[in-house]
Amino acid sequence: MSEQPKKGENPYTFGQRIKDILNLLLTKMQMDTGEELIPHKNTLYKDAALQTYKRGLMRHGRLGEMIYLKDPDTLEAAMADVLEYQNWQYRCGAKPFL
């Protein structure tokens, strides 16, 4: 995957976009791939989606560094960490990452 965040795109929205692309890839893979390769390709695609998301978050400075250091195992876990951080910023009255 080579997806990049759009200018001004919210980090969580970027993750949702990657998740949508991942779901399309997984659906197509299940229709076109033999049963024995599905678990292996499933793992590869999910890992690629997570790495793409973490790489894209690096454009958001501290947020990207925080997610990288937390080293989440899944895209969903990384997105949950981003949402938790954004909620914390909102409660503290800090300027959101955009």
Protein backbone atom coordinates (compact mmCIF):
# COMPACT_ATOMS: atom_id res chain seq x y z
CA MET A 1 0.00 0.00 0.00
CA SER A 2 1.24 3.46 -0.80
CA GLU A 3 -1.65 5.55 0.52
CA GLN A 4 -0.79 8.95 2.02
CA PRO A 5 -2.89 11.27 4.18
CA LYS A 6 -4.61 14.03 2.26
CA LYS A 7 -3.75 17.60 3.18
CA GLY A 8 -5.65 18.53 6.35
CA GLU A 9 -7.06 15.01 6.75
CA ASN A 10 -7.79 13.91 10.30
CA PRO A 11 -5.50 11.01 11.36
CA TYR A 12 -8.49 8.83 12.32
CA THR A 13 -10.18 9.49 8.96
CA PHE A 14 -6.95 8.49 7.23
CA GLY A 15 -7.03 5.22 9.16
CA GLN A 16 -10.64 4.63 8.17
CA ARG A 17 -9.72 5.15 4.52
CA ILE A 18 -6.92 2.58 4.82
CA LYS A 19 -9.31 0.19 6.56
CA ASP A 20 -11.79 0.53 3.68
CA ILE A 21 -9.05 -0.24 1.14
CA LEU A 22 -7.92 -3.22 3.23
CA ASN A 23 -11.47 -4.59 3.33
CA LEU A 24 -11.74 -4.33 -0.46
CA LEU A 25 -8.42 -6.15 -0.87
CA LEU A 26 -9.41 -8.90 1.54
CA THR A 27 -12.77 -9.40 -0.18
CA LYS A 28 -11.15 -9.63 -3.61
CA MET A 29 -8.48 -11.97 -2.26
CA GLN A 30 -11.10 -14.34 -0.83
CA MET A 31 -12.82 -14.54 -4.22
CA ASP A 32 -9.63 -15.05 -6.25
CA THR A 33 -7.26 -17.01 -4.00
CA GLY A 34 -7.06 -20.68 -3.11
CA GLU A 35 -8.06 -21.60 0.43
CA GLU A 36 -4.51 -22.52 1.47
CA LEU A 37 -3.12 -19.03 0.77
CA ILE A 38 -5.86 -16.95 2.40
CA PRO A 39 -4.44 -16.91 5.98
CA HIS A 40 -0.96 -15.98 4.74
CA LYS A 41 -2.16 -13.20 2.41
CA ASN A 42 -4.61 -11.98 5.05
CA THR A 43 -1.71 -11.46 7.48
CA LEU A 44 0.43 -9.76 4.82
CA TYR A 45 -2.31 -7.32 3.79
CA LYS A 46 -3.20 -6.43 7.38
CA ASP A 47 0.45 -5.81 8.24
CA ALA A 48 0.90 -3.66 5.12
CA ALA A 49 -2.16 -1.60 6.10
CA LEU A 50 -0.79 -1.06 9.63
CA GLN A 51 2.64 -0.03 8.34
CA THR A 52 1.06 2.36 5.82
CA TYR A 53 -1.00 3.96 8.59
CA LYS A 54 1.98 4.35 10.93
CA ARG A 55 4.11 5.80 8.13
CA GLY A 56 1.35 8.29 7.22
CA LEU A 57 0.97 9.34 10.85
CA MET A 58 4.60 10.45 10.95
CA ARG A 59 3.40 13.60 9.14
CA HIS A 60 1.61 14.50 12.37
CA GLY A 61 4.79 14.81 14.45
CA ARG A 62 4.31 13.75 18.06
CA LEU A 63 1.18 11.74 17.29
CA GLY A 64 3.03 9.65 14.72
CA GLU A 65 5.96 9.13 17.07
CA MET A 66 3.64 8.10 19.91
CA ILE A 67 1.85 5.51 17.78
CA TYR A 68 5.15 4.22 16.41
CA LEU A 69 6.54 3.77 19.93
CA LYS A 70 3.36 2.10 21.21
CA ASP A 71 3.85 -0.43 18.38
CA PRO A 72 0.23 -1.59 18.02
CA ASP A 73 -0.34 -5.05 16.55
CA THR A 74 -3.28 -4.14 14.32
CA LEU A 75 -4.65 -1.22 12.34
CA GLU A 76 -7.67 -1.15 14.64
CA ALA A 77 -5.44 -0.89 17.73
CA ALA A 78 -3.48 1.97 16.16
CA MET A 79 -6.71 3.78 15.27
CA ALA A 80 -7.98 3.29 18.83
CA ASP A 81 -4.75 4.82 20.17
CA VAL A 82 -5.15 7.80 17.81
CA LEU A 83 -8.76 8.29 18.91
CA GLU A 84 -7.79 8.06 22.58
CA TYR A 85 -5.06 10.68 22.06
CA GLN A 86 -7.39 13.00 20.14
CA ASN A 87 -10.02 12.71 22.88
CA TRP A 88 -7.39 13.51 25.49
CA GLN A 89 -6.34 16.59 23.49
CA TYR A 90 -9.96 17.70 23.25
CA ARG A 91 -10.47 17.33 27.01
CA CYS A 92 -7.28 19.32 27.66
CA GLY A 93 -8.30 22.03 25.21
CA ALA A 94 -5.24 21.43 23.04
CA LYS A 95 -5.17 22.18 19.34
CA PRO A 96 -6.00 19.00 17.37
CA PHE A 97 -3.60 17.46 14.87
CA LEU A 98 -4.63 18.32 11.32
